[in-house]
Amino acid sequence: MRLWHQNLIEKLPRPQLLGQHRECCALRGGGWMKSHATVNYVFQHPIEHLFQYHLLVMQEMRKRGYHVNPLWWDPNYRGKKMPSITIDKRHFASSHPIYSEHDQSYLNDCLDNLRQKGVEIAN
């Protein structure tokens, strides 16, 4: 799985948006720091960045009328089987995009990946 370029979140079709939520939940939980080629860059940033990104996903889900378990809105929550943490808001990304890796090249890669899945998104 991947984290889609954050500029695509509001344009993602339902399956990709809900899949992104599941991916964020997994990464915030037991998947944190577990190596996977497409998301390894996430672990080079504080976990607070992942929460910020996940907020964008959850806000889009709410906007579309999808239900998000209220526990995930808590920045310290990491899932049923993981202990809570204390998020330090000083580590929130102050720039856009949240992940510096989400540049134009990454956006193009994401758009190509979506096209291969039969999803065409105008950028």
PDB file of N, CA and C in Angstrom:
ATOM      1  N   MET A   1       0.847  -1.178   0.000  1.00  0.00           N
ATOM      2  CA  MET A   1       0.000   0.000   0.000  1.00  0.00           C
ATOM      3  C   MET A   1       0.885   1.231   0.000  1.00  0.00           C
ATOM      4  N   ARG A   2       0.308   2.333  -0.309  1.00  0.00           N
ATOM      5  CA  ARG A   2       1.047   3.596  -0.346  1.00  0.00           C
ATOM      6  C   ARG A   2       0.218   4.681   0.301  1.00  0.00           C
ATOM      7  N   LEU A   3       0.884   5.770   0.626  1.00  0.00           N
ATOM      8  CA  LEU A   3       0.156   6.977   0.980  1.00  0.00           C
ATOM      9  C   LEU A   3       0.062   7.791  -0.300  1.00  0.00           C
ATOM     10  N   TRP A   4      -1.156   8.028  -0.744  1.00  0.00           N
ATOM     11  CA  TRP A   4      -1.339   8.821  -1.948  1.00  0.00           C
ATOM     12  C   TRP A   4      -0.853  10.233  -1.689  1.00  0.00           C
ATOM     13  N   HIS A   5      -0.421  10.889  -2.745  1.00  0.00           N
ATOM     14  CA  HIS A   5      -0.016  12.291  -2.628  1.00  0.00           C
ATOM     15  C   HIS A   5      -1.167  13.041  -1.964  1.00  0.00           C
ATOM     16  N   GLN A   6      -0.844  13.872  -0.987  1.00  0.00           N
ATOM     17  CA  GLN A   6      -1.913  14.495  -0.213  1.00  0.00           C
ATOM     18  C   GLN A   6      -2.831  15.380  -1.046  1.00  0.00           C
ATOM     19  N   ASN A   7      -2.370  15.901  -2.179  1.00  0.00           N
ATOM     20  CA  ASN A   7      -3.241  16.711  -3.038  1.00  0.00           C
ATOM     21  C   ASN A   7      -4.315  15.872  -3.724  1.00  0.00           C
ATOM     22  N   LEU A   8      -4.163  14.547  -3.696  1.00  0.00           N
ATOM     23  CA  LEU A   8      -5.144  13.669  -4.336  1.00  0.00           C
ATOM     24  C   LEU A   8      -6.237  13.198  -3.384  1.00  0.00           C
ATOM     25  N   ILE A   9      -6.062  13.394  -2.099  1.00  0.00           N
ATOM     26  CA  ILE A   9      -6.995  12.819  -1.122  1.00  0.00           C
ATOM     27  C   ILE A   9      -8.442  13.176  -1.447  1.00  0.00           C
ATOM     28  N   GLU A  10      -8.714  14.434  -1.708  1.00  0.00           N
ATOM     29  CA  GLU A  10     -10.102  14.852  -1.954  1.00  0.00           C
ATOM     30  C   GLU A  10     -10.632  14.356  -3.307  1.00  0.00           C
ATOM     31  N   LYS A  11      -9.761  13.837  -4.160  1.00  0.00           N
ATOM     32  CA  LYS A  11     -10.171  13.360  -5.471  1.00  0.00           C
ATOM     33  C   LYS A  11     -10.233  11.837  -5.569  1.00  0.00           C
ATOM     34  N   LEU A  12      -9.782  11.149  -4.522  1.00  0.00           N
ATOM     35  CA  LEU A  12      -9.724   9.692  -4.568  1.00  0.00           C
ATOM     36  C   LEU A  12     -11.125   9.085  -4.608  1.00  0.00           C
ATOM     37  N   PRO A  13     -11.310   8.053  -5.429  1.00  0.00           N
ATOM     38  CA  PRO A  13     -12.581   7.324  -5.391  1.00  0.00           C
ATOM     39  C   PRO A  13     -12.732   6.617  -4.044  1.00  0.00           C
ATOM     40  N   ARG A  14     -13.940   6.231  -3.739  1.00  0.00           N
ATOM     41  CA  ARG A  14     -14.270   5.612  -2.453  1.00  0.00           C
ATOM     42  C   ARG A  14     -13.314   4.477  -2.071  1.00  0.00           C
ATOM     43  N   PRO A  15     -13.059   3.490  -2.959  1.00  0.00           N
ATOM     44  CA  PRO A  15     -12.184   2.384  -2.528  1.00  0.00           C
ATOM     45  C   PRO A  15     -10.785   2.837  -2.119  1.00  0.00           C
ATOM     46  N   GLN A  16     -10.218   3.778  -2.855  1.00  0.00           N
ATOM     47  CA  GLN A  16      -8.878   4.255  -2.530  1.00  0.00           C
ATOM     48  C   GLN A  16      -8.881   5.105  -1.256  1.00  0.00           C
ATOM     49  N   LEU A  17      -9.918   5.903  -1.066  1.00  0.00           N
ATOM     50  CA  LEU A  17      -9.996   6.720   0.143  1.00  0.00           C
ATOM     51  C   LEU A  17     -10.136   5.838   1.380  1.00  0.00           C
ATOM     52  N   LEU A  18     -11.033   4.866   1.328  1.00  0.00           N
ATOM     53  CA  LEU A  18     -11.220   3.980   2.479  1.00  0.00           C
ATOM     54  C   LEU A  18      -9.985   3.114   2.694  1.00  0.00           C
ATOM     55  N   GLY A  19      -9.326   2.710   1.613  1.00  0.00           N
ATOM     56  CA  GLY A  19      -8.072   1.968   1.729  1.00  0.00           C
ATOM     57  C   GLY A  19      -6.990   2.810   2.363  1.00  0.00           C
ATOM     58  N   GLN A  20      -6.999   4.113   2.064  1.00  0.00           N
ATOM     59  CA  GLN A  20      -6.007   5.007   2.650  1.00  0.00           C
ATOM     60  C   GLN A  20      -6.220   5.131   4.157  1.00  0.00           C
ATOM     61  N   HIS A  21      -7.490   5.169   4.559  1.00  0.00           N
ATOM     62  CA  HIS A  21      -7.793   5.196   5.993  1.00  0.00           C
ATOM     63  C   HIS A  21      -7.265   3.928   6.667  1.00  0.00           C
ATOM     64  N   ARG A  22      -7.513   2.775   6.077  1.00  0.00           N
ATOM     65  CA  ARG A  22      -7.026   1.518   6.656  1.00  0.00           C
ATOM     66  C   ARG A  22      -5.499   1.508   6.735  1.00  0.00           C
ATOM     67  N   GLU A  23      -4.850   2.020   5.700  1.00  0.00           N
ATOM     68  CA  GLU A  23      -3.387   2.075   5.695  1.00  0.00           C
ATOM     69  C   GLU A  23      -2.873   2.986   6.807  1.00  0.00           C
ATOM     70  N   CYS A  24      -3.493   4.141   6.975  1.00  0.00           N
ATOM     71  CA  CYS A  24      -3.078   5.059   8.044  1.00  0.00           C
ATOM     72  C   CYS A  24      -3.277   4.420   9.412  1.00  0.00           C
ATOM     73  N   CYS A  25      -4.407   3.733   9.603  1.00  0.00           N
ATOM     74  CA  CYS A  25      -4.653   3.052  10.882  1.00  0.00           C
ATOM     75  C   CYS A  25      -3.572   2.008  11.135  1.00  0.00           C
ATOM     76  N   ALA A  26      -3.246   1.239  10.107  1.00  0.00           N
ATOM     77  CA  ALA A  26      -2.222   0.197  10.259  1.00  0.00           C
ATOM     78  C   ALA A  26      -0.866   0.814  10.581  1.00  0.00           C
ATOM     79  N   LEU A  27      -0.518   1.892   9.887  1.00  0.00           N
ATOM     80  CA  LEU A  27       0.776   2.532  10.125  1.00  0.00           C
ATOM     81  C   LEU A  27       0.838   3.184  11.502  1.00  0.00           C
ATOM     82  N   ARG A  28      -0.247   3.780  11.938  1.00  0.00           N
ATOM     83  CA  ARG A  28      -0.269   4.388  13.274  1.00  0.00           C
ATOM     84  C   ARG A  28      -0.207   3.326  14.352  1.00  0.00           C
ATOM     85  N   GLY A  29      -0.670   2.129  14.054  1.00  0.00           N
ATOM     86  CA  GLY A  29      -0.684   1.039  15.023  1.00  0.00           C
ATOM     87  C   GLY A  29       0.567   0.196  14.927  1.00  0.00           C
ATOM     88  N   GLY A  30       0.362  -1.108  14.812  1.00  0.00           N
ATOM     89  CA  GLY A  30       1.472  -2.052  14.826  1.00  0.00           C
ATOM     90  C   GLY A  30       2.388  -1.973  13.621  1.00  0.00           C
ATOM     91  N   GLY A  31       1.965  -1.260  12.580  1.00  0.00           N
ATOM     92  CA  GLY A  31       2.804  -1.143  11.389  1.00  0.00           C
ATOM     93  C   GLY A  31       3.864  -0.059  11.473  1.00  0.00           C
ATOM     94  N   TRP A  32       3.812   0.737  12.561  1.00  0.00           N
ATOM     95  CA  TRP A  32       4.795   1.822  12.694  1.00  0.00           C
ATOM     96  C   TRP A  32       6.197   1.243  12.756  1.00  0.00           C
ATOM     97  N   MET A  33       7.048   1.709  11.860  1.00  0.00           N
ATOM     98  CA  MET A  33       8.458   1.322  11.739  1.00  0.00           C
ATOM     99  C   MET A  33       8.651  -0.091  11.169  1.00  0.00           C
ATOM    100  N   LYS A  34       7.606  -0.676  10.617  1.00  0.00           N
ATOM    101  CA  LYS A  34       7.748  -1.971   9.946  1.00  0.00           C
ATOM    102  C   LYS A  34       8.021  -1.685   8.474  1.00  0.00           C
ATOM    103  N   SER A  35       9.152  -2.111   8.010  1.00  0.00           N
ATOM    104  CA  SER A  35       9.629  -1.797   6.671  1.00  0.00           C
ATOM    105  C   SER A  35       8.682  -2.274   5.572  1.00  0.00           C
ATOM    106  N   HIS A  36       8.399  -1.352   4.659  1.00  0.00           N
ATOM    107  CA  HIS A  36       7.653  -1.648   3.442  1.00  0.00           C
ATOM    108  C   HIS A  36       8.095  -0.612   2.415  1.00  0.00           C
ATOM    109  N   ALA A  37       8.582  -1.070   1.288  1.00  0.00           N
ATOM    110  CA  ALA A  37       9.251  -0.202   0.320  1.00  0.00           C
ATOM    111  C   ALA A  37       8.474   1.071  -0.015  1.00  0.00           C
ATOM    112  N   THR A  38       7.155   0.987  -0.179  1.00  0.00           N
ATOM    113  CA  THR A  38       6.419   2.167  -0.632  1.00  0.00           C
ATOM    114  C   THR A  38       6.132   3.185   0.467  1.00  0.00           C
ATOM    115  N   VAL A  39       6.297   2.795   1.725  1.00  0.00           N
ATOM    116  CA  VAL A  39       6.015   3.749   2.804  1.00  0.00           C
ATOM    117  C   VAL A  39       7.191   3.982   3.743  1.00  0.00           C
ATOM    118  N   ASN A  40       8.348   3.451   3.428  1.00  0.00           N
ATOM    119  CA  ASN A  40       9.499   3.617   4.324  1.00  0.00           C
ATOM    120  C   ASN A  40       9.825   5.080   4.610  1.00  0.00           C
ATOM    121  N   TYR A  41       9.583   5.966   3.654  1.00  0.00           N
ATOM    122  CA  TYR A  41       9.891   7.383   3.874  1.00  0.00           C
ATOM    123  C   TYR A  41       9.102   7.951   5.055  1.00  0.00           C
ATOM    124  N   VAL A  42       7.930   7.395   5.328  1.00  0.00           N
ATOM    125  CA  VAL A  42       7.092   7.878   6.424  1.00  0.00           C
ATOM    126  C   VAL A  42       7.838   7.768   7.749  1.00  0.00           C
ATOM    127  N   PHE A  43       8.647   6.725   7.902  1.00  0.00           N
ATOM    128  CA  PHE A  43       9.342   6.482   9.163  1.00  0.00           C
ATOM    129  C   PHE A  43      10.543   7.407   9.363  1.00  0.00           C
ATOM    130  N   GLN A  44      10.874   8.191   8.363  1.00  0.00           N
ATOM    131  CA  GLN A  44      11.946   9.175   8.501  1.00  0.00           C
ATOM    132  C   GLN A  44      11.424  10.492   9.086  1.00  0.00           C
ATOM    133  N   HIS A  45      10.123  10.524   9.306  1.00  0.00           N
ATOM    134  CA  HIS A  45       9.459  11.705   9.860  1.00  0.00           C
ATOM    135  C   HIS A  45       8.821  11.327  11.193  1.00  0.00           C
ATOM    136  N   PRO A  46       8.548  12.314  12.041  1.00  0.00           N
ATOM    137  CA  PRO A  46       7.878  12.004  13.304  1.00  0.00           C
ATOM    138  C   PRO A  46       6.476  11.430  13.054  1.00  0.00           C
ATOM    139  N   ILE A  47       6.004  10.607  13.961  1.00  0.00           N
ATOM    140  CA  ILE A  47       4.675  10.003  13.834  1.00  0.00           C
ATOM    141  C   ILE A  47       3.583  11.081  13.778  1.00  0.00           C
ATOM    142  N   GLU A  48       3.881  12.266  14.299  1.00  0.00           N
ATOM    143  CA  GLU A  48       2.927  13.374  14.243  1.00  0.00           C
ATOM    144  C   GLU A  48       2.559  13.712  12.802  1.00  0.00           C
ATOM    145  N   HIS A  49       3.490  13.550  11.878  1.00  0.00           N
ATOM    146  CA  HIS A  49       3.198  13.817  10.465  1.00  0.00           C
ATOM    147  C   HIS A  49       2.158  12.835   9.947  1.00  0.00           C
ATOM    148  N   LEU A  50       2.294  11.585  10.360  1.00  0.00           N
ATOM    149  CA  LEU A  50       1.313  10.582   9.934  1.00  0.00           C
ATOM    150  C   LEU A  50      -0.065  10.937  10.470  1.00  0.00           C
ATOM    151  N   PHE A  51      -0.143  11.392  11.710  1.00  0.00           N
ATOM    152  CA  PHE A  51      -1.437  11.796  12.255  1.00  0.00           C
ATOM    153  C   PHE A  51      -2.009  12.956  11.441  1.00  0.00           C
ATOM    154  N   GLN A  52      -1.197  13.942  11.107  1.00  0.00           N
ATOM    155  CA  GLN A  52      -1.676  15.074  10.304  1.00  0.00           C
ATOM    156  C   GLN A  52      -2.214  14.596   8.958  1.00  0.00           C
ATOM    157  N   TYR A  53      -1.485  13.685   8.325  1.00  0.00           N
ATOM    158  CA  TYR A  53      -1.919  13.143   7.041  1.00  0.00           C
ATOM    159  C   TYR A  53      -3.239  12.387   7.230  1.00  0.00           C
ATOM    160  N   HIS A  54      -3.305  11.564   8.268  1.00  0.00           N
ATOM    161  CA  HIS A  54      -4.507  10.783   8.534  1.00  0.00           C
ATOM    162  C   HIS A  54      -5.698  11.711   8.784  1.00  0.00           C
ATOM    163  N   LEU A  55      -5.467  12.848   9.431  1.00  0.00           N
ATOM    164  CA  LEU A  55      -6.534  13.827   9.632  1.00  0.00           C
ATOM    165  C   LEU A  55      -7.129  14.270   8.302  1.00  0.00           C
ATOM    166  N   LEU A  56      -6.283  14.515   7.310  1.00  0.00           N
ATOM    167  CA  LEU A  56      -6.784  14.910   5.993  1.00  0.00           C
ATOM    168  C   LEU A  56      -7.694  13.828   5.414  1.00  0.00           C
ATOM    169  N   VAL A  57      -7.272  12.583   5.568  1.00  0.00           N
ATOM    170  CA  VAL A  57      -8.064  11.454   5.062  1.00  0.00           C
ATOM    171  C   VAL A  57      -9.395  11.383   5.802  1.00  0.00           C
ATOM    172  N   MET A  58      -9.356  11.465   7.117  1.00  0.00           N
ATOM    173  CA  MET A  58     -10.583  11.358   7.909  1.00  0.00           C
ATOM    174  C   MET A  58     -11.516  12.540   7.660  1.00  0.00           C
ATOM    175  N   GLN A  59     -10.968  13.730   7.472  1.00  0.00           N
ATOM    176  CA  GLN A  59     -11.803  14.898   7.168  1.00  0.00           C
ATOM    177  C   GLN A  59     -12.519  14.718   5.835  1.00  0.00           C
ATOM    178  N   GLU A  60     -11.823  14.153   4.862  1.00  0.00           N
ATOM    179  CA  GLU A  60     -12.449  13.896   3.567  1.00  0.00           C
ATOM    180  C   GLU A  60     -13.526  12.818   3.705  1.00  0.00           C
ATOM    181  N   MET A  61     -13.250  11.806   4.506  1.00  0.00           N
ATOM    182  CA  MET A  61     -14.255  10.762   4.737  1.00  0.00           C
ATOM    183  C   MET A  61     -15.503  11.371   5.377  1.00  0.00           C
ATOM    184  N   ARG A  62     -15.310  12.201   6.376  1.00  0.00           N
ATOM    185  CA  ARG A  62     -16.446  12.855   7.052  1.00  0.00           C
ATOM    186  C   ARG A  62     -17.227  13.703   6.058  1.00  0.00           C
ATOM    187  N   LYS A  63     -16.504  14.449   5.229  1.00  0.00           N
ATOM    188  CA  LYS A  63     -17.143  15.311   4.233  1.00  0.00           C
ATOM    189  C   LYS A  63     -18.053  14.498   3.307  1.00  0.00           C
ATOM    190  N   ARG A  64     -17.639  13.268   3.007  1.00  0.00           N
ATOM    191  CA  ARG A  64     -18.429  12.394   2.121  1.00  0.00           C
ATOM    192  C   ARG A  64     -19.488  11.588   2.864  1.00  0.00           C
ATOM    193  N   GLY A  65     -19.561  11.762   4.171  1.00  0.00           N
ATOM    194  CA  GLY A  65     -20.583  11.075   4.948  1.00  0.00           C
ATOM    195  C   GLY A  65     -20.188   9.696   5.446  1.00  0.00           C
ATOM    196  N   TYR A  66     -18.912   9.356   5.388  1.00  0.00           N
ATOM    197  CA  TYR A  66     -18.442   8.063   5.889  1.00  0.00           C
ATOM    198  C   TYR A  66     -18.177   8.160   7.384  1.00  0.00           C
ATOM    199  N   HIS A  67     -18.373   7.057   8.066  1.00  0.00           N
ATOM    200  CA  HIS A  67     -18.152   7.004   9.509  1.00  0.00           C
ATOM    201  C   HIS A  67     -16.689   6.668   9.805  1.00  0.00           C
ATOM    202  N   VAL A  68     -16.113   7.406  10.717  1.00  0.00           N
ATOM    203  CA  VAL A  68     -14.761   7.114  11.210  1.00  0.00           C
ATOM    204  C   VAL A  68     -14.892   6.840  12.708  1.00  0.00           C
ATOM    205  N   ASN A  69     -14.314   5.748  13.164  1.00  0.00           N
ATOM    206  CA  ASN A  69     -14.330   5.449  14.586  1.00  0.00           C
ATOM    207  C   ASN A  69     -13.754   6.659  15.327  1.00  0.00           C
ATOM    208  N   PRO A  70     -14.505   7.214  16.270  1.00  0.00           N
ATOM    209  CA  PRO A  70     -14.047   8.428  16.971  1.00  0.00           C
ATOM    210  C   PRO A  70     -12.683   8.284  17.640  1.00  0.00           C
ATOM    211  N   LEU A  71     -12.283   7.075  17.983  1.00  0.00           N
ATOM    212  CA  LEU A  71     -10.985   6.889  18.626  1.00  0.00           C
ATOM    213  C   LEU A  71      -9.831   7.368  17.749  1.00  0.00           C
ATOM    214  N   TRP A  72      -9.976   7.246  16.421  1.00  0.00           N
ATOM    215  CA  TRP A  72      -8.881   7.633  15.521  1.00  0.00           C
ATOM    216  C   TRP A  72      -8.662   9.142  15.466  1.00  0.00           C
ATOM    217  N   TRP A  73      -9.634   9.943  15.917  1.00  0.00           N
ATOM    218  CA  TRP A  73      -9.448  11.393  15.938  1.00  0.00           C
ATOM    219  C   TRP A  73      -8.507  11.819  17.068  1.00  0.00           C
ATOM    220  N   ASP A  74      -8.271  10.924  18.014  1.00  0.00           N
ATOM    221  CA  ASP A  74      -7.345  11.193  19.115  1.00  0.00           C
ATOM    222  C   ASP A  74      -5.923  10.968  18.595  1.00  0.00           C
ATOM    223  N   PRO A  75      -5.088  11.991  18.593  1.00  0.00           N
ATOM    224  CA  PRO A  75      -3.739  11.833  18.035  1.00  0.00           C
ATOM    225  C   PRO A  75      -2.883  10.806  18.777  1.00  0.00           C
ATOM    226  N   ASN A  76      -3.246  10.482  20.000  1.00  0.00           N
ATOM    227  CA  ASN A  76      -2.464   9.535  20.791  1.00  0.00           C
ATOM    228  C   ASN A  76      -2.898   8.082  20.599  1.00  0.00           C
ATOM    229  N   TYR A  77      -4.038   7.882  19.955  1.00  0.00           N
ATOM    230  CA  TYR A  77      -4.572   6.529  19.770  1.00  0.00           C
ATOM    231  C   TYR A  77      -3.800   5.795  18.680  1.00  0.00           C
ATOM    232  N   ARG A  78      -3.487   4.517  18.959  1.00  0.00           N
ATOM    233  CA  ARG A  78      -2.733   3.721  17.994  1.00  0.00           C
ATOM    234  C   ARG A  78      -3.403   2.393  17.680  1.00  0.00           C
ATOM    235  N   GLY A  79      -4.637   2.232  18.082  1.00  0.00           N
ATOM    236  CA  GLY A  79      -5.355   0.993  17.818  1.00  0.00           C
ATOM    237  C   GLY A  79      -5.599   0.217  19.094  1.00  0.00           C
ATOM    238  N   LYS A  80      -6.459  -0.785  18.986  1.00  0.00           N
ATOM    239  CA  LYS A  80      -6.881  -1.565  20.158  1.00  0.00           C
ATOM    240  C   LYS A  80      -5.729  -2.296  20.835  1.00  0.00           C
ATOM    241  N   LYS A  81      -4.751  -2.735  20.062  1.00  0.00           N
ATOM    242  CA  LYS A  81      -3.693  -3.586  20.617  1.00  0.00           C
ATOM    243  C   LYS A  81      -2.405  -2.830  20.925  1.00  0.00           C
ATOM    244  N   MET A  82      -2.419  -1.535  20.712  1.00  0.00           N
ATOM    245  CA  MET A  82      -1.202  -0.750  20.907  1.00  0.00           C
ATOM    246  C   MET A  82      -1.397   0.234  22.056  1.00  0.00           C
ATOM    247  N   PRO A  83      -0.346   0.483  22.826  1.00  0.00           N
ATOM    248  CA  PRO A  83      -0.465   1.494  23.879  1.00  0.00           C
ATOM    249  C   PRO A  83      -0.556   2.890  23.265  1.00  0.00           C
ATOM    250  N   SER A  84      -1.240   3.762  23.947  1.00  0.00           N
ATOM    251  CA  SER A  84      -1.323   5.158  23.490  1.00  0.00           C
ATOM    252  C   SER A  84       0.056   5.799  23.585  1.00  0.00           C
ATOM    253  N   ILE A  85       0.222   6.865  22.855  1.00  0.00           N
ATOM    254  CA  ILE A  85       1.449   7.654  22.915  1.00  0.00           C
ATOM    255  C   ILE A  85       1.056   9.088  23.241  1.00  0.00           C
ATOM    256  N   THR A  86       2.027   9.930  23.422  1.00  0.00           N
ATOM    257  CA  THR A  86       1.750  11.351  23.624  1.00  0.00           C
ATOM    258  C   THR A  86       2.301  12.107  22.427  1.00  0.00           C
ATOM    259  N   ILE A  87       1.397  12.608  21.637  1.00  0.00           N
ATOM    260  CA  ILE A  87       1.772  13.384  20.454  1.00  0.00           C
ATOM    261  C   ILE A  87       2.281  14.752  20.895  1.00  0.00           C
ATOM    262  N   ASP A  88       3.362  15.180  20.289  1.00  0.00           N
ATOM    263  CA  ASP A  88       3.942  16.488  20.563  1.00  0.00           C
ATOM    264  C   ASP A  88       3.641  17.384  19.361  1.00  0.00           C
ATOM    265  N   LYS A  89       2.729  18.306  19.533  1.00  0.00           N
ATOM    266  CA  LYS A  89       2.295  19.151  18.412  1.00  0.00           C
ATOM    267  C   LYS A  89       3.416  20.019  17.861  1.00  0.00           C
ATOM    268  N   ARG A  90       4.515  20.125  18.599  1.00  0.00           N
ATOM    269  CA  ARG A  90       5.665  20.864  18.077  1.00  0.00           C
ATOM    270  C   ARG A  90       6.292  20.132  16.890  1.00  0.00           C
ATOM    271  N   HIS A  91       5.982  18.825  16.758  1.00  0.00           N
ATOM    272  CA  HIS A  91       6.531  18.042  15.656  1.00  0.00           C
ATOM    273  C   HIS A  91       5.607  18.001  14.437  1.00  0.00           C
ATOM    274  N   PHE A  92       4.493  18.736  14.504  1.00  0.00           N
ATOM    275  CA  PHE A  92       3.615  18.778  13.345  1.00  0.00           C
ATOM    276  C   PHE A  92       4.342  19.485  12.207  1.00  0.00           C
ATOM    277  N   ALA A  93       4.112  19.007  11.012  1.00  0.00           N
ATOM    278  CA  ALA A  93       4.733  19.633   9.845  1.00  0.00           C
ATOM    279  C   ALA A  93       4.156  21.031   9.683  1.00  0.00           C
ATOM    280  N   SER A  94       5.014  21.976   9.435  1.00  0.00           N
ATOM    281  CA  SER A  94       4.553  23.356   9.258  1.00  0.00           C
ATOM    282  C   SER A  94       4.535  23.746   7.789  1.00  0.00           C
ATOM    283  N   SER A  95       4.859  22.805   6.936  1.00  0.00           N
ATOM    284  CA  SER A  95       4.900  23.117   5.511  1.00  0.00           C
ATOM    285  C   SER A  95       3.917  22.225   4.749  1.00  0.00           C
ATOM    286  N   HIS A  96       3.664  22.623   3.535  1.00  0.00           N
ATOM    287  CA  HIS A  96       2.819  21.841   2.631  1.00  0.00           C
ATOM    288  C   HIS A  96       3.711  21.403   1.492  1.00  0.00           C
ATOM    289  N   PRO A  97       3.772  20.175   1.170  1.00  0.00           N
ATOM    290  CA  PRO A  97       3.005  19.070   1.739  1.00  0.00           C
ATOM    291  C   PRO A  97       3.574  18.627   3.088  1.00  0.00           C
ATOM    292  N   ILE A  98       2.788  17.797   3.777  1.00  0.00           N
ATOM    293  CA  ILE A  98       3.224  17.265   5.075  1.00  0.00           C
ATOM    294  C   ILE A  98       4.522  16.491   4.901  1.00  0.00           C
ATOM    295  N   TYR A  99       4.559  15.632   3.871  1.00  0.00           N
ATOM    296  CA  TYR A  99       5.766  14.848   3.573  1.00  0.00           C
ATOM    297  C   TYR A  99       6.488  15.493   2.400  1.00  0.00           C
ATOM    298  N   SER A 100       7.745  15.854   2.596  1.00  0.00           N
ATOM    299  CA  SER A 100       8.526  16.493   1.524  1.00  0.00           C
ATOM    300  C   SER A 100       8.629  15.581   0.308  1.00  0.00           C
ATOM    301  N   GLU A 101       8.488  14.283   0.520  1.00  0.00           N
ATOM    302  CA  GLU A 101       8.558  13.326  -0.596  1.00  0.00           C
ATOM    303  C   GLU A 101       7.363  13.453  -1.528  1.00  0.00           C
ATOM    304  N   HIS A 102       6.301  14.097  -1.077  1.00  0.00           N
ATOM    305  CA  HIS A 102       5.111  14.278  -1.905  1.00  0.00           C
ATOM    306  C   HIS A 102       5.308  15.475  -2.842  1.00  0.00           C
ATOM    307  N   ASP A 103       6.275  15.319  -3.725  1.00  0.00           N
ATOM    308  CA  ASP A 103       6.587  16.362  -4.696  1.00  0.00           C
ATOM    309  C   ASP A 103       5.872  16.063  -6.025  1.00  0.00           C
ATOM    310  N   GLN A 104       6.195  16.835  -7.060  1.00  0.00           N
ATOM    311  CA  GLN A 104       5.534  16.668  -8.361  1.00  0.00           C
ATOM    312  C   GLN A 104       5.802  15.284  -8.954  1.00  0.00           C
ATOM    313  N   SER A 105       7.007  14.789  -8.785  1.00  0.00           N
ATOM    314  CA  SER A 105       7.358  13.471  -9.297  1.00  0.00           C
ATOM    315  C   SER A 105       6.513  12.388  -8.608  1.00  0.00           C
ATOM    316  N   TYR A 106       6.344  12.504  -7.296  1.00  0.00           N
ATOM    317  CA  TYR A 106       5.531  11.540  -6.553  1.00  0.00           C
ATOM    318  C   TYR A 106       4.067  11.651  -6.974  1.00  0.00           C
ATOM    319  N   LEU A 107       3.598  12.866  -7.183  1.00  0.00           N
ATOM    320  CA  LEU A 107       2.227  13.063  -7.664  1.00  0.00           C
ATOM    321  C   LEU A 107       2.036  12.353  -8.998  1.00  0.00           C
ATOM    322  N   ASN A 108       2.988  12.522  -9.913  1.00  0.00           N
ATOM    323  CA  ASN A 108       2.906  11.857 -11.218  1.00  0.00           C
ATOM    324  C   ASN A 108       2.903  10.338 -11.068  1.00  0.00           C
ATOM    325  N   ASP A 109       3.744   9.818 -10.169  1.00  0.00           N
ATOM    326  CA  ASP A 109       3.774   8.374  -9.910  1.00  0.00           C
ATOM    327  C   ASP A 109       2.419   7.891  -9.397  1.00  0.00           C
ATOM    328  N   CYS A 110       1.825   8.647  -8.483  1.00  0.00           N
ATOM    329  CA  CYS A 110       0.512   8.272  -7.941  1.00  0.00           C
ATOM    330  C   CYS A 110      -0.558   8.291  -9.025  1.00  0.00           C
ATOM    331  N   LEU A 111      -0.526   9.317  -9.863  1.00  0.00           N
ATOM    332  CA  LEU A 111      -1.503   9.401 -10.957  1.00  0.00           C
ATOM    333  C   LEU A 111      -1.338   8.231 -11.920  1.00  0.00           C
ATOM    334  N   ASP A 112      -0.093   7.862 -12.225  1.00  0.00           N
ATOM    335  CA  ASP A 112       0.162   6.695 -13.087  1.00  0.00           C
ATOM    336  C   ASP A 112      -0.352   5.418 -12.435  1.00  0.00           C
ATOM    337  N   ASN A 113      -0.106   5.272 -11.140  1.00  0.00           N
ATOM    338  CA  ASN A 113      -0.564   4.100 -10.409  1.00  0.00           C
ATOM    339  C   ASN A 113      -2.088   4.009 -10.451  1.00  0.00           C
ATOM    340  N   LEU A 114      -2.757   5.127 -10.261  1.00  0.00           N
ATOM    341  CA  LEU A 114      -4.220   5.139 -10.314  1.00  0.00           C
ATOM    342  C   LEU A 114      -4.721   4.799 -11.721  1.00  0.00           C
ATOM    343  N   ARG A 115      -4.063   5.332 -12.744  1.00  0.00           N
ATOM    344  CA  ARG A 115      -4.455   5.017 -14.136  1.00  0.00           C
ATOM    345  C   ARG A 115      -4.369   3.521 -14.392  1.00  0.00           C
ATOM    346  N   GLN A 116      -3.330   2.884 -13.860  1.00  0.00           N
ATOM    347  CA  GLN A 116      -3.180   1.448 -14.021  1.00  0.00           C
ATOM    348  C   GLN A 116      -4.316   0.689 -13.344  1.00  0.00           C
ATOM    349  N   LYS A 117      -4.957   1.307 -12.371  1.00  0.00           N
ATOM    350  CA  LYS A 117      -6.088   0.704 -11.691  1.00  0.00           C
ATOM    351  C   LYS A 117      -7.410   1.103 -12.364  1.00  0.00           C
ATOM    352  N   GLY A 118      -7.308   1.831 -13.472  1.00  0.00           N
ATOM    353  CA  GLY A 118      -8.510   2.272 -14.181  1.00  0.00           C
ATOM    354  C   GLY A 118      -9.138   3.540 -13.623  1.00  0.00           C
ATOM    355  N   VAL A 119      -8.374   4.280 -12.805  1.00  0.00           N
ATOM    356  CA  VAL A 119      -8.876   5.506 -12.186  1.00  0.00           C
ATOM    357  C   VAL A 119      -8.170   6.684 -12.852  1.00  0.00           C
ATOM    358  N   GLU A 120      -8.944   7.537 -13.477  1.00  0.00           N
ATOM    359  CA  GLU A 120      -8.399   8.715 -14.138  1.00  0.00           C
ATOM    360  C   GLU A 120      -8.770   9.938 -13.301  1.00  0.00           C
ATOM    361  N   ILE A 121      -7.774  10.668 -12.838  1.00  0.00           N
ATOM    362  CA  ILE A 121      -7.993  11.872 -12.035  1.00  0.00           C
ATOM    363  C   ILE A 121      -7.346  13.040 -12.751  1.00  0.00           C
ATOM    364  N   ALA A 122      -8.160  14.065 -12.986  1.00  0.00           N
ATOM    365  CA  ALA A 122      -7.624  15.291 -13.590  1.00  0.00           C
ATOM    366  C   ALA A 122      -6.851  16.036 -12.528  1.00  0.00           C
ATOM    367  N   ASN A 123      -5.663  16.484 -12.898  1.00  0.00           N
ATOM    368  CA  ASN A 123      -4.838  17.190 -11.926  1.00  0.00           C
ATOM    369  C   ASN A 123      -4.792  18.663 -12.239  1.00  0.00           C
TER     370      ASN A 123
END
